[in-house]
């Protein structure tokens, strides 16, 4: 099912899966996710989409910006920002970066920050 939303939309399933829809960006998703997205205000599409969103979504931060976020966390040194293994909590990184950061991107930026 092809779905598009005019605003940023997060569809969360009881299985723990979460799908993010950026404004005006068409996504091919399963029927289950598509139906939930439709219930949340998205629209089903069948071809190319030209939706004008109310606002532009932020593009992912440059790798250097994410490394700077990690270095700031290290500098602050607040133990509440880190997991038991010493890595920063995902929610803390997401908030500081102003977006949802993928686990592999977060891990790479963390390694770079530690080694710089």
Protein backbone atom coordinates (compact mmCIF):
# COMPACT_ATOMS: atom_id res chain seq x y z
CA UNK A 1 0.00 0.00 0.00
CA UNK A 2 1.33 3.45 -0.90
CA UNK A 3 0.64 6.09 1.74
CA UNK A 4 1.44 9.80 2.10
CA UNK A 5 0.86 12.20 4.97
CA UNK A 6 0.65 15.99 4.93
CA UNK A 7 2.30 16.18 8.36
CA UNK A 8 4.95 14.17 10.18
CA UNK A 9 3.33 10.97 11.36
CA UNK A 10 4.64 8.11 13.52
CA UNK A 11 2.85 4.78 13.31
CA UNK A 12 3.69 2.45 16.20
CA UNK A 13 2.64 -1.19 16.33
CA UNK A 14 2.22 -3.40 19.38
CA UNK A 15 5.12 -5.48 18.05
CA UNK A 16 7.39 -2.50 18.73
CA UNK A 17 7.85 -1.48 15.10
CA UNK A 18 7.59 2.24 14.35
CA UNK A 19 7.26 3.78 10.89
CA UNK A 20 7.90 7.48 10.35
CA UNK A 21 6.12 9.33 7.55
CA UNK A 22 7.71 12.64 6.55
CA UNK A 23 5.37 15.33 5.19
CA UNK A 24 4.66 14.87 1.50
CA UNK A 25 6.90 11.80 1.11
CA UNK A 26 5.16 8.74 -0.30
CA UNK A 27 5.94 5.42 1.45
CA UNK A 28 5.26 1.84 0.37
CA UNK A 29 4.15 0.01 3.54
CA UNK A 30 2.35 -3.17 4.56
CA UNK A 31 -1.45 -3.24 4.70
CA UNK A 32 -1.37 -3.30 8.52
CA UNK A 33 0.79 -0.18 8.79
CA UNK A 34 -1.05 1.50 5.94
CA UNK A 35 -4.45 1.05 7.57
CA UNK A 36 -3.20 2.52 10.85
CA UNK A 37 -1.65 5.45 8.99
CA UNK A 38 -4.94 6.06 7.17
CA UNK A 39 -6.74 6.11 10.52
CA UNK A 40 -4.24 8.73 11.70
CA UNK A 41 -4.96 11.04 8.76
CA UNK A 42 -2.65 9.84 5.99
CA UNK A 43 -3.95 9.25 2.48
CA UNK A 44 -3.57 6.26 0.19
CA UNK A 45 -1.99 6.96 -3.19
CA UNK A 46 -1.57 5.03 -6.38
CA UNK A 47 1.00 6.99 -8.31
CA UNK A 48 3.40 9.92 -8.11
CA UNK A 49 2.45 12.36 -5.39
CA UNK A 50 2.80 16.10 -5.27
CA UNK A 51 1.68 17.03 -1.77
CA UNK A 52 2.60 20.41 -0.39
CA UNK A 53 3.38 20.04 3.29
CA UNK A 54 2.73 22.76 5.84
CA UNK A 55 6.40 22.77 6.81
CA UNK A 56 9.59 21.18 5.63
CA UNK A 57 10.92 18.36 7.77
CA UNK A 58 14.48 18.63 8.96
CA UNK A 59 17.08 16.84 6.95
CA UNK A 60 19.34 14.54 8.94
CA UNK A 61 22.19 16.24 10.70
CA UNK A 62 25.58 16.08 9.10
CA UNK A 63 27.79 13.41 10.68
CA UNK A 64 29.98 16.13 12.20
CA UNK A 65 26.95 17.69 13.90
CA UNK A 66 26.04 14.36 15.47
CA UNK A 67 29.63 13.88 16.63
CA UNK A 68 29.41 17.35 18.21
CA UNK A 69 26.24 16.26 20.02
CA UNK A 70 28.09 13.21 21.34
CA UNK A 71 31.07 15.31 22.42
CA UNK A 72 28.72 17.66 24.27
CA UNK A 73 27.21 14.68 26.12
CA UNK A 74 30.71 13.57 27.08
CA UNK A 75 31.58 17.07 28.28
CA UNK A 76 28.40 17.36 30.35
CA UNK A 77 29.03 13.92 31.85
CA UNK A 78 25.51 13.56 33.30
CA UNK A 79 25.20 9.90 34.32
CA UNK A 80 21.44 9.99 33.62
CA UNK A 81 22.26 10.45 29.92
CA UNK A 82 24.08 7.13 29.65
CA UNK A 83 23.18 3.44 29.77
CA UNK A 84 24.91 0.94 32.06
CA UNK A 85 27.38 0.06 29.28
CA UNK A 86 28.50 3.70 29.05
CA UNK A 87 26.86 4.55 25.72
CA UNK A 88 24.42 7.46 25.49
CA UNK A 89 20.70 6.75 25.72
CA UNK A 90 18.87 6.92 22.39
CA UNK A 91 16.24 9.32 23.71
CA UNK A 92 18.93 11.73 24.93
CA UNK A 93 20.72 11.68 21.58
CA UNK A 94 17.46 12.11 19.67
CA UNK A 95 16.48 15.10 21.78
CA UNK A 96 19.90 16.74 21.48
CA UNK A 97 20.01 16.13 17.71
CA UNK A 98 16.44 17.32 17.22
CA UNK A 99 15.49 14.19 15.27
CA UNK A 100 15.34 10.43 15.48
CA UNK A 101 18.86 9.07 15.02
CA UNK A 102 19.28 5.53 13.70
CA UNK A 103 21.12 3.11 15.98
CA UNK A 104 23.99 2.52 13.55
CA UNK A 105 24.41 6.26 12.95
CA UNK A 106 24.37 6.88 16.71
CA UNK A 107 26.98 4.15 17.30
CA UNK A 108 29.27 5.49 14.57
CA UNK A 109 29.07 9.04 15.89
CA UNK A 110 29.73 7.78 19.43
CA UNK A 111 32.86 5.92 18.31
CA UNK A 112 34.09 8.99 16.43
CA UNK A 113 33.47 11.24 19.45
CA UNK A 114 35.34 8.85 21.75
CA UNK A 115 38.32 8.66 19.41
CA UNK A 116 38.62 12.38 18.67
